[in-house]
Amino acid sequence: MDVNSFKSSLTREAPPPEYNQILRALWYDGKGDWEIAHEIAQEISGSSGSHIHAYLHRKEGDDWNAGYWYRQAGQPVPKISLNEEWENLVEHYLG
């Protein structure tokens, strides 16, 4: 699967069952449901969960909270658009 296939799945009513929690969080965010994406991200342990959590708080506009989660993930705060970051995350976690 690639980013374009992932984007195509956004026309569905629910994420494909084979998507793990990270991809489900990104899927719901791609559908415009930040709240569900954030709920899922809070359940993901480790640096991957922190990375998704950071992106979501950056998208929310909470720079302080986003910075905290980027540090927890061991990632710098990106200097790219939110759309680019979302695509990069999808590509990385589809990996």
PDB file of N, CA and C in Angstrom:
ATOM      1  N   MET A   1       0.846  -1.174   0.000  1.00  0.00           N
ATOM      2  CA  MET A   1       0.000   0.000   0.000  1.00  0.00           C
ATOM      3  C   MET A   1       0.892   1.238   0.000  1.00  0.00           C
ATOM      4  N   ASP A   2       0.406   2.292  -0.644  1.00  0.00           N
ATOM      5  CA  ASP A   2       1.119   3.561  -0.682  1.00  0.00           C
ATOM      6  C   ASP A   2       0.192   4.679  -0.216  1.00  0.00           C
ATOM      7  N   VAL A   3       0.721   5.906  -0.200  1.00  0.00           N
ATOM      8  CA  VAL A   3      -0.048   7.049   0.290  1.00  0.00           C
ATOM      9  C   VAL A   3      -1.319   7.249  -0.527  1.00  0.00           C
ATOM     10  N   ASN A   4      -1.237   7.092  -1.843  1.00  0.00           N
ATOM     11  CA  ASN A   4      -2.433   7.283  -2.678  1.00  0.00           C
ATOM     12  C   ASN A   4      -3.512   6.250  -2.365  1.00  0.00           C
ATOM     13  N   SER A   5      -3.125   5.016  -2.129  1.00  0.00           N
ATOM     14  CA  SER A   5      -4.093   3.987  -1.746  1.00  0.00           C
ATOM     15  C   SER A   5      -4.700   4.312  -0.391  1.00  0.00           C
ATOM     16  N   PHE A   6      -3.865   4.800   0.511  1.00  0.00           N
ATOM     17  CA  PHE A   6      -4.356   5.190   1.832  1.00  0.00           C
ATOM     18  C   PHE A   6      -5.377   6.312   1.692  1.00  0.00           C
ATOM     19  N   LYS A   7      -5.051   7.308   0.879  1.00  0.00           N
ATOM     20  CA  LYS A   7      -5.984   8.418   0.651  1.00  0.00           C
ATOM     21  C   LYS A   7      -7.288   7.911   0.042  1.00  0.00           C
ATOM     22  N   SER A   8      -7.207   6.958  -0.857  1.00  0.00           N
ATOM     23  CA  SER A   8      -8.409   6.398  -1.473  1.00  0.00           C
ATOM     24  C   SER A   8      -9.298   5.715  -0.438  1.00  0.00           C
ATOM     25  N   SER A   9      -8.686   5.159   0.597  1.00  0.00           N
ATOM     26  CA  SER A   9      -9.470   4.480   1.634  1.00  0.00           C
ATOM     27  C   SER A   9     -10.298   5.464   2.453  1.00  0.00           C
ATOM     28  N   LEU A  10      -9.998   6.756   2.354  1.00  0.00           N
ATOM     29  CA  LEU A  10     -10.735   7.769   3.114  1.00  0.00           C
ATOM     30  C   LEU A  10     -12.182   7.919   2.650  1.00  0.00           C
ATOM     31  N   THR A  11     -12.514   7.331   1.504  1.00  0.00           N
ATOM     32  CA  THR A  11     -13.904   7.375   1.034  1.00  0.00           C
ATOM     33  C   THR A  11     -14.777   6.360   1.758  1.00  0.00           C
ATOM     34  N   ARG A  12     -14.147   5.446   2.484  1.00  0.00           N
ATOM     35  CA  ARG A  12     -14.890   4.425   3.217  1.00  0.00           C
ATOM     36  C   ARG A  12     -15.534   5.014   4.466  1.00  0.00           C
ATOM     37  N   GLU A  13     -16.477   4.283   5.026  1.00  0.00           N
ATOM     38  CA  GLU A  13     -17.153   4.710   6.259  1.00  0.00           C
ATOM     39  C   GLU A  13     -16.291   4.470   7.497  1.00  0.00           C
ATOM     40  N   ALA A  14     -15.417   3.484   7.418  1.00  0.00           N
ATOM     41  CA  ALA A  14     -14.544   3.127   8.540  1.00  0.00           C
ATOM     42  C   ALA A  14     -13.183   2.729   7.980  1.00  0.00           C
ATOM     43  N   PRO A  15     -12.145   2.812   8.801  1.00  0.00           N
ATOM     44  CA  PRO A  15     -10.832   2.407   8.305  1.00  0.00           C
ATOM     45  C   PRO A  15     -10.792   0.913   8.001  1.00  0.00           C
ATOM     46  N   PRO A  16      -9.997   0.517   7.034  1.00  0.00           N
ATOM     47  CA  PRO A  16      -9.865  -0.910   6.759  1.00  0.00           C
ATOM     48  C   PRO A  16      -9.416  -1.662   8.018  1.00  0.00           C
ATOM     49  N   PRO A  17      -9.936  -2.846   8.238  1.00  0.00           N
ATOM     50  CA  PRO A  17      -9.643  -3.579   9.482  1.00  0.00           C
ATOM     51  C   PRO A  17      -8.169  -3.924   9.658  1.00  0.00           C
ATOM     52  N   GLU A  18      -7.412  -3.959   8.575  1.00  0.00           N
ATOM     53  CA  GLU A  18      -5.996  -4.315   8.697  1.00  0.00           C
ATOM     54  C   GLU A  18      -5.119  -3.150   9.170  1.00  0.00           C
ATOM     55  N   TYR A  19      -5.684  -1.961   9.263  1.00  0.00           N
ATOM     56  CA  TYR A  19      -4.909  -0.803   9.733  1.00  0.00           C
ATOM     57  C   TYR A  19      -4.644  -0.930  11.234  1.00  0.00           C
ATOM     58  N   ASN A  20      -3.387  -0.716  11.619  1.00  0.00           N
ATOM     59  CA  ASN A  20      -3.044  -0.711  13.038  1.00  0.00           C
ATOM     60  C   ASN A  20      -3.486   0.623  13.654  1.00  0.00           C
ATOM     61  N   GLN A  21      -3.254   0.792  14.943  1.00  0.00           N
ATOM     62  CA  GLN A  21      -3.717   1.999  15.641  1.00  0.00           C
ATOM     63  C   GLN A  21      -3.127   3.274  15.036  1.00  0.00           C
ATOM     64  N   ILE A  22      -1.874   3.236  14.666  1.00  0.00           N
ATOM     65  CA  ILE A  22      -1.236   4.428  14.094  1.00  0.00           C
ATOM     66  C   ILE A  22      -1.934   4.823  12.802  1.00  0.00           C
ATOM     67  N   LEU A  23      -2.128   3.865  11.920  1.00  0.00           N
ATOM     68  CA  LEU A  23      -2.788   4.160  10.649  1.00  0.00           C
ATOM     69  C   LEU A  23      -4.244   4.553  10.860  1.00  0.00           C
ATOM     70  N   ARG A  24      -4.890   3.961  11.848  1.00  0.00           N
ATOM     71  CA  ARG A  24      -6.278   4.353  12.144  1.00  0.00           C
ATOM     72  C   ARG A  24      -6.340   5.800  12.609  1.00  0.00           C
ATOM     73  N   ALA A  25      -5.397   6.219  13.462  1.00  0.00           N
ATOM     74  CA  ALA A  25      -5.364   7.610  13.920  1.00  0.00           C
ATOM     75  C   ALA A  25      -5.156   8.551  12.735  1.00  0.00           C
ATOM     76  N   LEU A  26      -4.234   8.207  11.860  1.00  0.00           N
ATOM     77  CA  LEU A  26      -3.981   9.043  10.681  1.00  0.00           C
ATOM     78  C   LEU A  26      -5.177   9.021   9.735  1.00  0.00           C
ATOM     79  N   TRP A  27      -5.851   7.885   9.649  1.00  0.00           N
ATOM     80  CA  TRP A  27      -7.033   7.772   8.788  1.00  0.00           C
ATOM     81  C   TRP A  27      -8.136   8.703   9.282  1.00  0.00           C
ATOM     82  N   TYR A  28      -8.425   8.641  10.582  1.00  0.00           N
ATOM     83  CA  TYR A  28      -9.472   9.514  11.121  1.00  0.00           C
ATOM     84  C   TYR A  28      -9.090  10.983  10.980  1.00  0.00           C
ATOM     85  N   ASP A  29      -7.830  11.300  11.169  1.00  0.00           N
ATOM     86  CA  ASP A  29      -7.406  12.679  10.957  1.00  0.00           C
ATOM     87  C   ASP A  29      -7.600  13.072   9.497  1.00  0.00           C
ATOM     88  N   GLY A  30      -7.267  12.177   8.588  1.00  0.00           N
ATOM     89  CA  GLY A  30      -7.475  12.431   7.160  1.00  0.00           C
ATOM     90  C   GLY A  30      -8.933  12.633   6.808  1.00  0.00           C
ATOM     91  N   LYS A  31      -9.822  12.018   7.582  1.00  0.00           N
ATOM     92  CA  LYS A  31     -11.271  12.189   7.388  1.00  0.00           C
ATOM     93  C   LYS A  31     -11.779  13.469   8.050  1.00  0.00           C
ATOM     94  N   GLY A  32     -10.909  14.147   8.785  1.00  0.00           N
ATOM     95  CA  GLY A  32     -11.312  15.380   9.448  1.00  0.00           C
ATOM     96  C   GLY A  32     -11.840  15.187  10.856  1.00  0.00           C
ATOM     97  N   ASP A  33     -11.628  14.009  11.433  1.00  0.00           N
ATOM     98  CA  ASP A  33     -12.099  13.735  12.783  1.00  0.00           C
ATOM     99  C   ASP A  33     -10.921  13.741  13.759  1.00  0.00           C
ATOM    100  N   TRP A  34     -10.498  14.959  14.131  1.00  0.00           N
ATOM    101  CA  TRP A  34      -9.354  15.131  15.011  1.00  0.00           C
ATOM    102  C   TRP A  34      -9.587  14.452  16.357  1.00  0.00           C
ATOM    103  N   GLU A  35     -10.793  14.541  16.881  1.00  0.00           N
ATOM    104  CA  GLU A  35     -11.085  13.999  18.213  1.00  0.00           C
ATOM    105  C   GLU A  35     -10.835  12.496  18.286  1.00  0.00           C
ATOM    106  N   ILE A  36     -11.364  11.748  17.330  1.00  0.00           N
ATOM    107  CA  ILE A  36     -11.146  10.297  17.338  1.00  0.00           C
ATOM    108  C   ILE A  36      -9.671   9.993  17.106  1.00  0.00           C
ATOM    109  N   ALA A  37      -9.040  10.726  16.184  1.00  0.00           N
ATOM    110  CA  ALA A  37      -7.612  10.524  15.934  1.00  0.00           C
ATOM    111  C   ALA A  37      -6.816  10.726  17.222  1.00  0.00           C
ATOM    112  N   HIS A  38      -7.159  11.753  17.967  1.00  0.00           N
ATOM    113  CA  HIS A  38      -6.453  12.049  19.218  1.00  0.00           C
ATOM    114  C   HIS A  38      -6.718  10.966  20.265  1.00  0.00           C
ATOM    115  N   GLU A  39      -7.952  10.503  20.373  1.00  0.00           N
ATOM    116  CA  GLU A  39      -8.267   9.422  21.316  1.00  0.00           C
ATOM    117  C   GLU A  39      -7.419   8.188  21.021  1.00  0.00           C
ATOM    118  N   ILE A  40      -7.309   7.839  19.746  1.00  0.00           N
ATOM    119  CA  ILE A  40      -6.508   6.670  19.357  1.00  0.00           C
ATOM    120  C   ILE A  40      -5.043   6.912  19.666  1.00  0.00           C
ATOM    121  N   ALA A  41      -4.533   8.094  19.325  1.00  0.00           N
ATOM    122  CA  ALA A  41      -3.117   8.411  19.545  1.00  0.00           C
ATOM    123  C   ALA A  41      -2.755   8.300  21.020  1.00  0.00           C
ATOM    124  N   GLN A  42      -3.660   8.684  21.897  1.00  0.00           N
ATOM    125  CA  GLN A  42      -3.394   8.603  23.336  1.00  0.00           C
ATOM    126  C   GLN A  42      -3.226   7.168  23.808  1.00  0.00           C
ATOM    127  N   GLU A  43      -3.734   6.221  23.050  1.00  0.00           N
ATOM    128  CA  GLU A  43      -3.642   4.804  23.429  1.00  0.00           C
ATOM    129  C   GLU A  43      -2.383   4.128  22.891  1.00  0.00           C
ATOM    130  N   ILE A  44      -1.641   4.812  22.016  1.00  0.00           N
ATOM    131  CA  ILE A  44      -0.461   4.215  21.386  1.00  0.00           C
ATOM    132  C   ILE A  44       0.762   4.527  22.237  1.00  0.00           C
ATOM    133  N   SER A  45       1.431   3.491  22.696  1.00  0.00           N
ATOM    134  CA  SER A  45       2.601   3.704  23.539  1.00  0.00           C
ATOM    135  C   SER A  45       3.856   3.884  22.688  1.00  0.00           C
ATOM    136  N   GLY A  46       4.882   4.397  23.307  1.00  0.00           N
ATOM    137  CA  GLY A  46       6.180   4.522  22.663  1.00  0.00           C
ATOM    138  C   GLY A  46       6.316   5.757  21.790  1.00  0.00           C
ATOM    139  N   SER A  47       7.433   5.817  21.112  1.00  0.00           N
ATOM    140  CA  SER A  47       7.757   7.011  20.317  1.00  0.00           C
ATOM    141  C   SER A  47       6.812   7.196  19.137  1.00  0.00           C
ATOM    142  N   SER A  48       6.285   6.116  18.589  1.00  0.00           N
ATOM    143  CA  SER A  48       5.342   6.241  17.472  1.00  0.00           C
ATOM    144  C   SER A  48       4.073   6.952  17.914  1.00  0.00           C
ATOM    145  N   GLY A  49       3.542   6.568  19.060  1.00  0.00           N
ATOM    146  CA  GLY A  49       2.363   7.228  19.588  1.00  0.00           C
ATOM    147  C   GLY A  49       2.633   8.688  19.900  1.00  0.00           C
ATOM    148  N   SER A  50       3.806   8.958  20.456  1.00  0.00           N
ATOM    149  CA  SER A  50       4.184  10.341  20.753  1.00  0.00           C
ATOM    150  C   SER A  50       4.294  11.167  19.472  1.00  0.00           C
ATOM    151  N   HIS A  51       4.799  10.547  18.416  1.00  0.00           N
ATOM    152  CA  HIS A  51       4.954  11.241  17.130  1.00  0.00           C
ATOM    153  C   HIS A  51       3.592  11.641  16.563  1.00  0.00           C
ATOM    154  N   ILE A  52       2.647  10.714  16.560  1.00  0.00           N
ATOM    155  CA  ILE A  52       1.304  11.012  16.057  1.00  0.00           C
ATOM    156  C   ILE A  52       0.633  12.048  16.953  1.00  0.00           C
ATOM    157  N   HIS A  53       0.797  11.890  18.254  1.00  0.00           N
ATOM    158  CA  HIS A  53       0.232  12.820  19.224  1.00  0.00           C
ATOM    159  C   HIS A  53       0.782  14.234  18.983  1.00  0.00           C
ATOM    160  N   ALA A  54       2.079  14.333  18.727  1.00  0.00           N
ATOM    161  CA  ALA A  54       2.720  15.628  18.453  1.00  0.00           C
ATOM    162  C   ALA A  54       2.118  16.287  17.224  1.00  0.00           C
ATOM    163  N   TYR A  55       2.015  15.526  16.150  1.00  0.00           N
ATOM    164  CA  TYR A  55       1.433  16.055  14.914  1.00  0.00           C
ATOM    165  C   TYR A  55       0.021  16.579  15.165  1.00  0.00           C
ATOM    166  N   LEU A  56      -0.778  15.815  15.895  1.00  0.00           N
ATOM    167  CA  LEU A  56      -2.165  16.214  16.136  1.00  0.00           C
ATOM    168  C   LEU A  56      -2.245  17.509  16.947  1.00  0.00           C
ATOM    169  N   HIS A  57      -1.361  17.660  17.929  1.00  0.00           N
ATOM    170  CA  HIS A  57      -1.379  18.912  18.701  1.00  0.00           C
ATOM    171  C   HIS A  57      -0.833  20.073  17.876  1.00  0.00           C
ATOM    172  N   ARG A  58       0.107  19.799  16.997  1.00  0.00           N
ATOM    173  CA  ARG A  58       0.563  20.852  16.079  1.00  0.00           C
ATOM    174  C   ARG A  58      -0.599  21.294  15.193  1.00  0.00           C
ATOM    175  N   LYS A  59      -1.346  20.333  14.693  1.00  0.00           N
ATOM    176  CA  LYS A  59      -2.499  20.646  13.856  1.00  0.00           C
ATOM    177  C   LYS A  59      -3.539  21.446  14.638  1.00  0.00           C
ATOM    178  N   GLU A  60      -3.713  21.099  15.889  1.00  0.00           N
ATOM    179  CA  GLU A  60      -4.668  21.791  16.754  1.00  0.00           C
ATOM    180  C   GLU A  60      -4.244  23.242  17.013  1.00  0.00           C
ATOM    181  N   GLY A  61      -2.942  23.515  16.835  1.00  0.00           N
ATOM    182  CA  GLY A  61      -2.428  24.856  17.103  1.00  0.00           C
ATOM    183  C   GLY A  61      -1.854  25.009  18.501  1.00  0.00           C
ATOM    184  N   ASP A  62      -1.725  23.901  19.228  1.00  0.00           N
ATOM    185  CA  ASP A  62      -1.170  23.909  20.581  1.00  0.00           C
ATOM    186  C   ASP A  62       0.335  23.636  20.478  1.00  0.00           C
ATOM    187  N   ASP A  63       1.092  24.694  20.175  1.00  0.00           N
ATOM    188  CA  ASP A  63       2.525  24.537  19.919  1.00  0.00           C
ATOM    189  C   ASP A  63       3.297  24.022  21.129  1.00  0.00           C
ATOM    190  N   TRP A  64       2.919  24.479  22.335  1.00  0.00           N
ATOM    191  CA  TRP A  64       3.635  24.018  23.521  1.00  0.00           C
ATOM    192  C   TRP A  64       3.459  22.513  23.694  1.00  0.00           C
ATOM    193  N   ASN A  65       2.221  22.043  23.626  1.00  0.00           N
ATOM    194  CA  ASN A  65       1.928  20.619  23.793  1.00  0.00           C
ATOM    195  C   ASN A  65       2.562  19.807  22.666  1.00  0.00           C
ATOM    196  N   ALA A  66       2.479  20.313  21.443  1.00  0.00           N
ATOM    197  CA  ALA A  66       3.106  19.626  20.309  1.00  0.00           C
ATOM    198  C   ALA A  66       4.601  19.481  20.546  1.00  0.00           C
ATOM    199  N   GLY A  67       5.237  20.566  20.990  1.00  0.00           N
ATOM    200  CA  GLY A  67       6.684  20.513  21.252  1.00  0.00           C
ATOM    201  C   GLY A  67       7.040  19.452  22.267  1.00  0.00           C
ATOM    202  N   TYR A  68       6.235  19.355  23.321  1.00  0.00           N
ATOM    203  CA  TYR A  68       6.459  18.324  24.333  1.00  0.00           C
ATOM    204  C   TYR A  68       6.425  16.942  23.691  1.00  0.00           C
ATOM    205  N   TRP A  69       5.405  16.660  22.870  1.00  0.00           N
ATOM    206  CA  TRP A  69       5.268  15.326  22.281  1.00  0.00           C
ATOM    207  C   TRP A  69       6.321  15.049  21.221  1.00  0.00           C
ATOM    208  N   TYR A  70       6.757  16.074  20.471  1.00  0.00           N
ATOM    209  CA  TYR A  70       7.872  15.862  19.533  1.00  0.00           C
ATOM    210  C   TYR A  70       9.127  15.473  20.310  1.00  0.00           C
ATOM    211  N   ARG A  71       9.375  16.133  21.445  1.00  0.00           N
ATOM    212  CA  ARG A  71      10.543  15.765  22.263  1.00  0.00           C
ATOM    213  C   ARG A  71      10.417  14.331  22.761  1.00  0.00           C
ATOM    214  N   GLN A  72       9.204  13.937  23.201  1.00  0.00           N
ATOM    215  CA  GLN A  72       8.993  12.562  23.663  1.00  0.00           C
ATOM    216  C   GLN A  72       9.250  11.554  22.540  1.00  0.00           C
ATOM    217  N   ALA A  73       8.931  11.955  21.313  1.00  0.00           N
ATOM    218  CA  ALA A  73       9.121  11.074  20.156  1.00  0.00           C
ATOM    219  C   ALA A  73      10.550  11.105  19.639  1.00  0.00           C
ATOM    220  N   GLY A  74      11.356  12.036  20.147  1.00  0.00           N
ATOM    221  CA  GLY A  74      12.727  12.173  19.646  1.00  0.00           C
ATOM    222  C   GLY A  74      12.763  12.770  18.248  1.00  0.00           C
ATOM    223  N   GLN A  75      11.790  13.606  17.944  1.00  0.00           N
ATOM    224  CA  GLN A  75      11.653  14.201  16.607  1.00  0.00           C
ATOM    225  C   GLN A  75      11.705  15.721  16.710  1.00  0.00           C
ATOM    226  N   PRO A  76      12.297  16.374  15.705  1.00  0.00           N
ATOM    227  CA  PRO A  76      12.245  17.840  15.689  1.00  0.00           C
ATOM    228  C   PRO A  76      10.854  18.306  15.268  1.00  0.00           C
ATOM    229  N   VAL A  77      10.516  19.521  15.660  1.00  0.00           N
ATOM    230  CA  VAL A  77       9.258  20.106  15.194  1.00  0.00           C
ATOM    231  C   VAL A  77       9.435  20.388  13.698  1.00  0.00           C
ATOM    232  N   PRO A  78       8.571  19.841  12.854  1.00  0.00           N
ATOM    233  CA  PRO A  78       8.734  20.013  11.403  1.00  0.00           C
ATOM    234  C   PRO A  78       8.541  21.459  10.956  1.00  0.00           C
ATOM    235  N   LYS A  79       9.212  21.801   9.898  1.00  0.00           N
ATOM    236  CA  LYS A  79       9.093  23.129   9.287  1.00  0.00           C
ATOM    237  C   LYS A  79       8.330  23.036   7.969  1.00  0.00           C
ATOM    238  N   ILE A  80       7.514  22.009   7.829  1.00  0.00           N
ATOM    239  CA  ILE A  80       6.742  21.788   6.606  1.00  0.00           C
ATOM    240  C   ILE A  80       5.264  21.974   6.921  1.00  0.00           C
ATOM    241  N   SER A  81       4.438  21.990   5.889  1.00  0.00           N
ATOM    242  CA  SER A  81       3.002  22.151   6.107  1.00  0.00           C
ATOM    243  C   SER A  81       2.436  20.926   6.825  1.00  0.00           C
ATOM    244  N   LEU A  82       1.282  21.119   7.423  1.00  0.00           N
ATOM    245  CA  LEU A  82       0.600  20.002   8.077  1.00  0.00           C
ATOM    246  C   LEU A  82       0.242  18.911   7.072  1.00  0.00           C
ATOM    247  N   ASN A  83      -0.169  19.301   5.873  1.00  0.00           N
ATOM    248  CA  ASN A  83      -0.493  18.304   4.839  1.00  0.00           C
ATOM    249  C   ASN A  83       0.729  17.469   4.482  1.00  0.00           C
ATOM    250  N   GLU A  84       1.877  18.131   4.343  1.00  0.00           N
ATOM    251  CA  GLU A  84       3.106  17.391   4.034  1.00  0.00           C
ATOM    252  C   GLU A  84       3.475  16.463   5.181  1.00  0.00           C
ATOM    253  N   GLU A  85       3.336  16.958   6.399  1.00  0.00           N
ATOM    254  CA  GLU A  85       3.663  16.112   7.547  1.00  0.00           C
ATOM    255  C   GLU A  85       2.740  14.898   7.604  1.00  0.00           C
ATOM    256  N   TRP A  86       1.439  15.113   7.374  1.00  0.00           N
ATOM    257  CA  TRP A  86       0.497  13.997   7.382  1.00  0.00           C
ATOM    258  C   TRP A  86       0.903  12.951   6.341  1.00  0.00           C
ATOM    259  N   GLU A  87       1.198  13.396   5.125  1.00  0.00           N
ATOM    260  CA  GLU A  87       1.608  12.452   4.080  1.00  0.00           C
ATOM    261  C   GLU A  87       2.895  11.733   4.453  1.00  0.00           C
ATOM    262  N   ASN A  88       3.855  12.456   5.022  1.00  0.00           N
ATOM    263  CA  ASN A  88       5.109  11.831   5.449  1.00  0.00           C
ATOM    264  C   ASN A  88       4.866  10.780   6.529  1.00  0.00           C
ATOM    265  N   LEU A  89       3.974  11.096   7.471  1.00  0.00           N
ATOM    266  CA  LEU A  89       3.650  10.131   8.521  1.00  0.00           C
ATOM    267  C   LEU A  89       2.984   8.895   7.934  1.00  0.00           C
ATOM    268  N   VAL A  90       2.013   9.106   7.048  1.00  0.00           N
ATOM    269  CA  VAL A  90       1.344   7.963   6.422  1.00  0.00           C
ATOM    270  C   VAL A  90       2.372   7.093   5.699  1.00  0.00           C
ATOM    271  N   GLU A  91       3.209   7.728   4.908  1.00  0.00           N
ATOM    272  CA  GLU A  91       4.227   6.975   4.153  1.00  0.00           C
ATOM    273  C   GLU A  91       5.153   6.212   5.099  1.00  0.00           C
ATOM    274  N   HIS A  92       5.599   6.877   6.144  1.00  0.00           N
ATOM    275  CA  HIS A  92       6.522   6.240   7.098  1.00  0.00           C
ATOM    276  C   HIS A  92       5.866   5.029   7.770  1.00  0.00           C
ATOM    277  N   TYR A  93       4.648   5.226   8.267  1.00  0.00           N
ATOM    278  CA  TYR A  93       4.017   4.147   9.037  1.00  0.00           C
ATOM    279  C   TYR A  93       3.372   3.074   8.162  1.00  0.00           C
ATOM    280  N   LEU A  94       3.219   3.349   6.884  1.00  0.00           N
ATOM    281  CA  LEU A  94       2.833   2.264   5.971  1.00  0.00           C
ATOM    282  C   LEU A  94       4.023   1.356   5.723  1.00  0.00           C
ATOM    283  N   GLY A  95       5.230   1.973   5.825  1.00  0.00           N
ATOM    284  CA  GLY A  95       6.526   1.375   5.568  1.00  0.00           C
ATOM    285  C   GLY A  95       6.649  -0.071   5.679  1.00  0.00           C
TER     286      GLY A  95
END
